């Protein structure tokens, strides 16, 4: 579970804060599968920023991920990611930028 410095997960931040279904809260299920309340948002940009924050807090885990990915043809997948906003895409973008 990818937690940020406030103890909430990336998913909580995304569903609660970015999509604005429970700002500052932890009930991520309120926003799951729903559009953001502000439809003008760059959702992927906001989601990626959360993963950038996580990566900055966890450089050792990013290094470990890079090693694991390199042994699997440099591919990441997200079984639950059915939209362009996915954990695999965000982490791949982070790894490719290093």
N, C-alpha and C. Protein backbone atom coordinates (compact mmCIF):
# COMPACT_ATOMS: atom_id res chain seq x y z
N UNK A 1 0.85 -1.16 0.00
CA UNK A 1 0.00 0.00 0.00
C UNK A 1 0.90 1.24 0.00
N UNK A 2 0.77 2.07 -0.98
CA UNK A 2 1.61 3.26 -1.12
C UNK A 2 1.06 4.40 -0.28
N UNK A 3 1.75 4.68 0.81
CA UNK A 3 1.32 5.76 1.72
C UNK A 3 2.18 6.99 1.53
N UNK A 4 1.54 8.13 1.71
CA UNK A 4 2.24 9.41 1.64
C UNK A 4 2.58 9.86 3.06
N UNK A 5 3.23 11.00 3.17
CA UNK A 5 3.74 11.47 4.46
C UNK A 5 2.67 11.75 5.52
N UNK A 6 1.42 11.88 5.12
CA UNK A 6 0.36 12.10 6.10
C UNK A 6 -0.32 10.80 6.54
N UNK A 7 0.19 9.67 6.05
CA UNK A 7 -0.36 8.37 6.43
C UNK A 7 -1.49 7.88 5.55
N UNK A 8 -2.01 8.76 4.69
CA UNK A 8 -3.06 8.32 3.77
C UNK A 8 -2.41 7.75 2.51
N UNK A 9 -3.12 6.86 1.86
CA UNK A 9 -2.59 6.22 0.66
C UNK A 9 -2.76 7.13 -0.56
N UNK A 10 -2.04 6.77 -1.62
CA UNK A 10 -2.19 7.48 -2.89
C UNK A 10 -3.65 7.41 -3.34
N UNK A 11 -4.25 6.26 -3.20
CA UNK A 11 -5.66 6.08 -3.60
C UNK A 11 -6.58 6.99 -2.81
N UNK A 12 -6.35 7.12 -1.52
CA UNK A 12 -7.17 8.02 -0.70
C UNK A 12 -7.03 9.46 -1.17
N UNK A 13 -5.81 9.88 -1.42
CA UNK A 13 -5.59 11.24 -1.91
C UNK A 13 -6.29 11.47 -3.24
N UNK A 14 -6.17 10.50 -4.12
CA UNK A 14 -6.76 10.65 -5.46
C UNK A 14 -8.29 10.70 -5.39
N UNK A 15 -8.90 9.71 -4.76
CA UNK A 15 -10.36 9.64 -4.73
C UNK A 15 -10.97 10.73 -3.84
N UNK A 16 -10.35 10.98 -2.69
CA UNK A 16 -10.91 11.93 -1.73
C UNK A 16 -10.60 13.38 -2.08
N UNK A 17 -9.34 13.66 -2.39
CA UNK A 17 -8.91 15.04 -2.60
C UNK A 17 -8.98 15.49 -4.05
N UNK A 18 -8.34 14.72 -4.94
CA UNK A 18 -8.31 15.13 -6.35
C UNK A 18 -9.72 15.11 -6.94
N UNK A 19 -10.42 14.01 -6.74
CA UNK A 19 -11.78 13.91 -7.28
C UNK A 19 -12.81 14.59 -6.38
N UNK A 20 -12.38 14.98 -5.18
CA UNK A 20 -13.16 15.82 -4.25
C UNK A 20 -14.41 15.15 -3.68
N UNK A 21 -14.32 13.87 -3.38
CA UNK A 21 -15.46 13.19 -2.80
C UNK A 21 -15.42 13.13 -1.27
N UNK A 22 -14.24 13.35 -0.68
CA UNK A 22 -14.09 13.38 0.78
C UNK A 22 -12.80 14.12 1.09
N UNK A 23 -12.71 15.42 0.73
CA UNK A 23 -11.46 16.16 0.89
C UNK A 23 -10.87 16.04 2.30
N UNK A 24 -9.60 15.64 2.33
CA UNK A 24 -8.90 15.45 3.59
C UNK A 24 -9.26 14.16 4.30
N UNK A 25 -10.19 13.41 3.74
CA UNK A 25 -10.68 12.20 4.40
C UNK A 25 -10.02 10.92 3.92
N UNK A 26 -10.62 9.82 4.31
CA UNK A 26 -10.06 8.50 3.99
C UNK A 26 -11.05 7.58 3.28
N UNK A 27 -12.27 8.04 3.06
CA UNK A 27 -13.28 7.18 2.45
C UNK A 27 -13.16 7.23 0.92
N UNK A 28 -12.13 6.54 0.42
CA UNK A 28 -11.83 6.56 -1.02
C UNK A 28 -12.92 5.91 -1.85
N UNK A 29 -13.72 5.07 -1.26
CA UNK A 29 -14.78 4.38 -2.01
C UNK A 29 -15.86 5.34 -2.53
N UNK A 30 -15.98 6.50 -1.89
CA UNK A 30 -16.99 7.47 -2.32
C UNK A 30 -16.77 7.93 -3.76
N UNK A 31 -15.51 8.02 -4.18
CA UNK A 31 -15.21 8.51 -5.52
C UNK A 31 -14.88 7.43 -6.54
N UNK A 32 -14.70 6.21 -6.09
CA UNK A 32 -14.29 5.12 -6.97
C UNK A 32 -15.30 4.93 -8.10
N UNK A 33 -14.81 4.96 -9.32
CA UNK A 33 -15.66 4.74 -10.49
C UNK A 33 -16.48 5.94 -10.92
N UNK A 34 -16.30 7.06 -10.22
CA UNK A 34 -17.07 8.27 -10.55
C UNK A 34 -16.15 9.32 -11.14
N UNK A 35 -16.71 10.22 -11.94
CA UNK A 35 -15.90 11.32 -12.46
C UNK A 35 -15.57 12.30 -11.34
N UNK A 36 -14.54 13.12 -11.54
CA UNK A 36 -14.24 14.12 -10.51
C UNK A 36 -15.36 15.15 -10.44
N UNK A 37 -15.49 15.79 -9.30
CA UNK A 37 -16.51 16.83 -9.18
C UNK A 37 -16.15 18.03 -10.05
N UNK A 38 -14.86 18.29 -10.24
CA UNK A 38 -14.40 19.34 -11.14
C UNK A 38 -13.89 18.66 -12.40
N UNK A 39 -14.68 18.68 -13.45
CA UNK A 39 -14.33 17.96 -14.68
C UNK A 39 -13.25 18.65 -15.51
N UNK A 40 -12.81 19.82 -15.09
CA UNK A 40 -11.75 20.51 -15.86
C UNK A 40 -10.35 20.07 -15.42
N UNK A 41 -10.26 19.22 -14.42
CA UNK A 41 -8.97 18.78 -13.90
C UNK A 41 -8.21 17.89 -14.87
N UNK A 42 -6.89 18.00 -14.82
CA UNK A 42 -6.01 17.05 -15.50
C UNK A 42 -5.83 15.89 -14.52
N UNK A 43 -6.68 14.90 -14.63
CA UNK A 43 -6.68 13.81 -13.66
C UNK A 43 -5.37 13.04 -13.66
N UNK A 44 -4.86 12.72 -14.85
CA UNK A 44 -3.61 11.96 -14.86
C UNK A 44 -2.47 12.78 -14.27
N UNK A 45 -2.42 14.06 -14.58
CA UNK A 45 -1.38 14.93 -14.02
C UNK A 45 -1.44 14.95 -12.50
N UNK A 46 -2.63 15.04 -11.94
CA UNK A 46 -2.79 15.05 -10.49
C UNK A 46 -2.43 13.69 -9.89
N UNK A 47 -2.84 12.62 -10.56
CA UNK A 47 -2.52 11.26 -10.09
C UNK A 47 -1.02 11.02 -10.13
N UNK A 48 -0.41 11.42 -11.23
CA UNK A 48 1.04 11.25 -11.38
C UNK A 48 1.78 12.06 -10.32
N UNK A 49 1.30 13.24 -10.01
CA UNK A 49 1.94 14.08 -8.97
C UNK A 49 1.92 13.37 -7.61
N UNK A 50 0.86 12.63 -7.34
CA UNK A 50 0.81 11.86 -6.09
C UNK A 50 1.88 10.78 -6.09
N UNK A 51 2.04 10.10 -7.22
CA UNK A 51 3.08 9.06 -7.31
C UNK A 51 4.47 9.68 -7.30
N UNK A 52 4.63 10.87 -7.86
CA UNK A 52 5.92 11.57 -7.78
C UNK A 52 6.26 11.84 -6.31
N UNK A 53 5.27 12.27 -5.56
CA UNK A 53 5.46 12.53 -4.14
C UNK A 53 5.85 11.26 -3.40
N UNK A 54 5.16 10.17 -3.71
CA UNK A 54 5.48 8.88 -3.09
C UNK A 54 6.90 8.46 -3.44
N UNK A 55 7.27 8.61 -4.71
CA UNK A 55 8.61 8.21 -5.16
C UNK A 55 9.69 9.03 -4.44
N UNK A 56 9.45 10.31 -4.25
CA UNK A 56 10.42 11.16 -3.55
C UNK A 56 10.58 10.72 -2.10
N UNK A 57 9.51 10.22 -1.51
CA UNK A 57 9.57 9.74 -0.12
C UNK A 57 10.19 8.35 -0.01
N UNK A 58 10.23 7.62 -1.13
CA UNK A 58 10.65 6.21 -1.11
C UNK A 58 11.67 5.89 -2.20
N UNK A 59 12.80 6.58 -2.25
CA UNK A 59 13.77 6.31 -3.31
C UNK A 59 14.29 4.87 -3.30
N UNK A 60 14.36 4.26 -2.12
CA UNK A 60 14.81 2.87 -2.05
C UNK A 60 13.81 1.93 -2.72
N UNK A 61 12.52 2.21 -2.59
CA UNK A 61 11.51 1.36 -3.23
C UNK A 61 11.49 1.57 -4.75
N UNK A 62 11.75 2.79 -5.18
CA UNK A 62 11.84 3.06 -6.63
C UNK A 62 13.03 2.30 -7.21
N UNK A 63 14.15 2.31 -6.50
CA UNK A 63 15.34 1.57 -6.95
C UNK A 63 15.04 0.07 -7.02
N UNK A 64 14.34 -0.43 -6.01
CA UNK A 64 13.96 -1.85 -6.00
C UNK A 64 13.01 -2.16 -7.15
N UNK A 65 12.06 -1.28 -7.39
CA UNK A 65 11.13 -1.47 -8.49
C UNK A 65 11.88 -1.52 -9.82
N UNK A 66 12.85 -0.63 -10.00
CA UNK A 66 13.63 -0.61 -11.23
C UNK A 66 14.31 -1.96 -11.47
N UNK A 67 14.86 -2.54 -10.42
CA UNK A 67 15.52 -3.85 -10.54
C UNK A 67 14.51 -4.92 -10.94
N UNK A 68 13.36 -4.94 -10.28
CA UNK A 68 12.34 -5.95 -10.59
C UNK A 68 11.81 -5.79 -12.02
N UNK A 69 11.57 -4.57 -12.41
CA UNK A 69 11.05 -4.30 -13.75
C UNK A 69 12.07 -4.74 -14.81
N UNK A 70 13.34 -4.51 -14.54
CA UNK A 70 14.37 -4.88 -15.52
C UNK A 70 14.43 -6.38 -15.74
N UNK A 71 14.00 -7.16 -14.77
CA UNK A 71 14.01 -8.62 -14.94
C UNK A 71 12.72 -9.14 -15.58
N UNK A 72 11.81 -8.22 -15.90
CA UNK A 72 10.53 -8.59 -16.54
C UNK A 72 10.32 -7.78 -17.82
N UNK A 73 11.34 -7.73 -18.66
CA UNK A 73 11.27 -7.04 -19.95
C UNK A 73 10.88 -5.58 -19.82
N UNK A 74 11.20 -4.96 -18.71
CA UNK A 74 10.90 -3.54 -18.47
C UNK A 74 9.43 -3.21 -18.66
N UNK A 75 8.57 -4.10 -18.19
CA UNK A 75 7.12 -3.89 -18.32
C UNK A 75 6.46 -3.85 -16.95
N UNK A 76 5.53 -2.94 -16.83
CA UNK A 76 4.69 -2.85 -15.65
C UNK A 76 3.25 -3.07 -16.09
N UNK A 77 2.46 -3.68 -15.24
CA UNK A 77 1.04 -3.83 -15.56
C UNK A 77 0.22 -3.55 -14.31
N UNK A 78 -1.01 -3.20 -14.53
CA UNK A 78 -1.93 -2.90 -13.44
C UNK A 78 -3.23 -3.64 -13.75
N UNK A 79 -3.45 -4.74 -13.06
CA UNK A 79 -4.62 -5.57 -13.34
C UNK A 79 -5.92 -4.83 -13.14
N UNK A 80 -5.92 -3.84 -12.24
CA UNK A 80 -7.14 -3.11 -11.95
C UNK A 80 -7.23 -1.80 -12.73
N UNK A 81 -6.16 -1.43 -13.41
CA UNK A 81 -6.14 -0.18 -14.17
C UNK A 81 -6.79 -0.35 -15.52
N UNK A 82 -8.01 0.09 -15.64
CA UNK A 82 -8.74 -0.06 -16.90
C UNK A 82 -8.89 1.26 -17.65
N UNK A 83 -8.26 2.31 -17.12
CA UNK A 83 -8.31 3.62 -17.77
C UNK A 83 -6.87 4.11 -17.95
N UNK A 84 -6.68 5.22 -18.65
CA UNK A 84 -5.31 5.76 -18.79
C UNK A 84 -4.71 6.24 -17.46
N UNK A 85 -5.52 6.34 -16.43
CA UNK A 85 -5.03 6.76 -15.12
C UNK A 85 -4.76 5.49 -14.32
N UNK A 86 -3.52 5.01 -14.40
CA UNK A 86 -3.18 3.76 -13.73
C UNK A 86 -1.85 3.85 -13.02
N UNK A 87 -1.72 3.05 -12.00
CA UNK A 87 -0.49 2.98 -11.23
C UNK A 87 0.68 2.56 -12.11
N UNK A 88 0.48 1.59 -12.97
CA UNK A 88 1.57 1.12 -13.84
C UNK A 88 2.06 2.25 -14.75
N UNK A 89 1.16 3.00 -15.31
CA UNK A 89 1.55 4.11 -16.19
C UNK A 89 2.33 5.16 -15.41
N UNK A 90 1.83 5.54 -14.24
CA UNK A 90 2.51 6.57 -13.44
C UNK A 90 3.91 6.11 -13.03
N UNK A 91 4.01 4.87 -12.56
CA UNK A 91 5.32 4.37 -12.14
C UNK A 91 6.27 4.20 -13.34
N UNK A 92 5.74 3.79 -14.48
CA UNK A 92 6.58 3.68 -15.68
C UNK A 92 7.10 5.05 -16.08
N UNK A 93 6.23 6.06 -16.02
CA UNK A 93 6.67 7.42 -16.35
C UNK A 93 7.76 7.90 -15.40
N UNK A 94 7.62 7.58 -14.12
CA UNK A 94 8.63 7.96 -13.13
C UNK A 94 9.95 7.26 -13.42
N UNK A 95 9.90 5.94 -13.66
CA UNK A 95 11.12 5.19 -13.95
C UNK A 95 11.79 5.68 -15.23
N UNK A 96 11.00 5.99 -16.24
CA UNK A 96 11.56 6.46 -17.51
C UNK A 96 12.17 7.84 -17.41
N UNK A 97 11.74 8.63 -16.44
CA UNK A 97 12.26 9.99 -16.27
C UNK A 97 13.57 10.02 -15.48
N UNK A 98 13.89 8.91 -14.82
CA UNK A 98 15.12 8.87 -13.99
C UNK A 98 16.36 8.71 -14.84
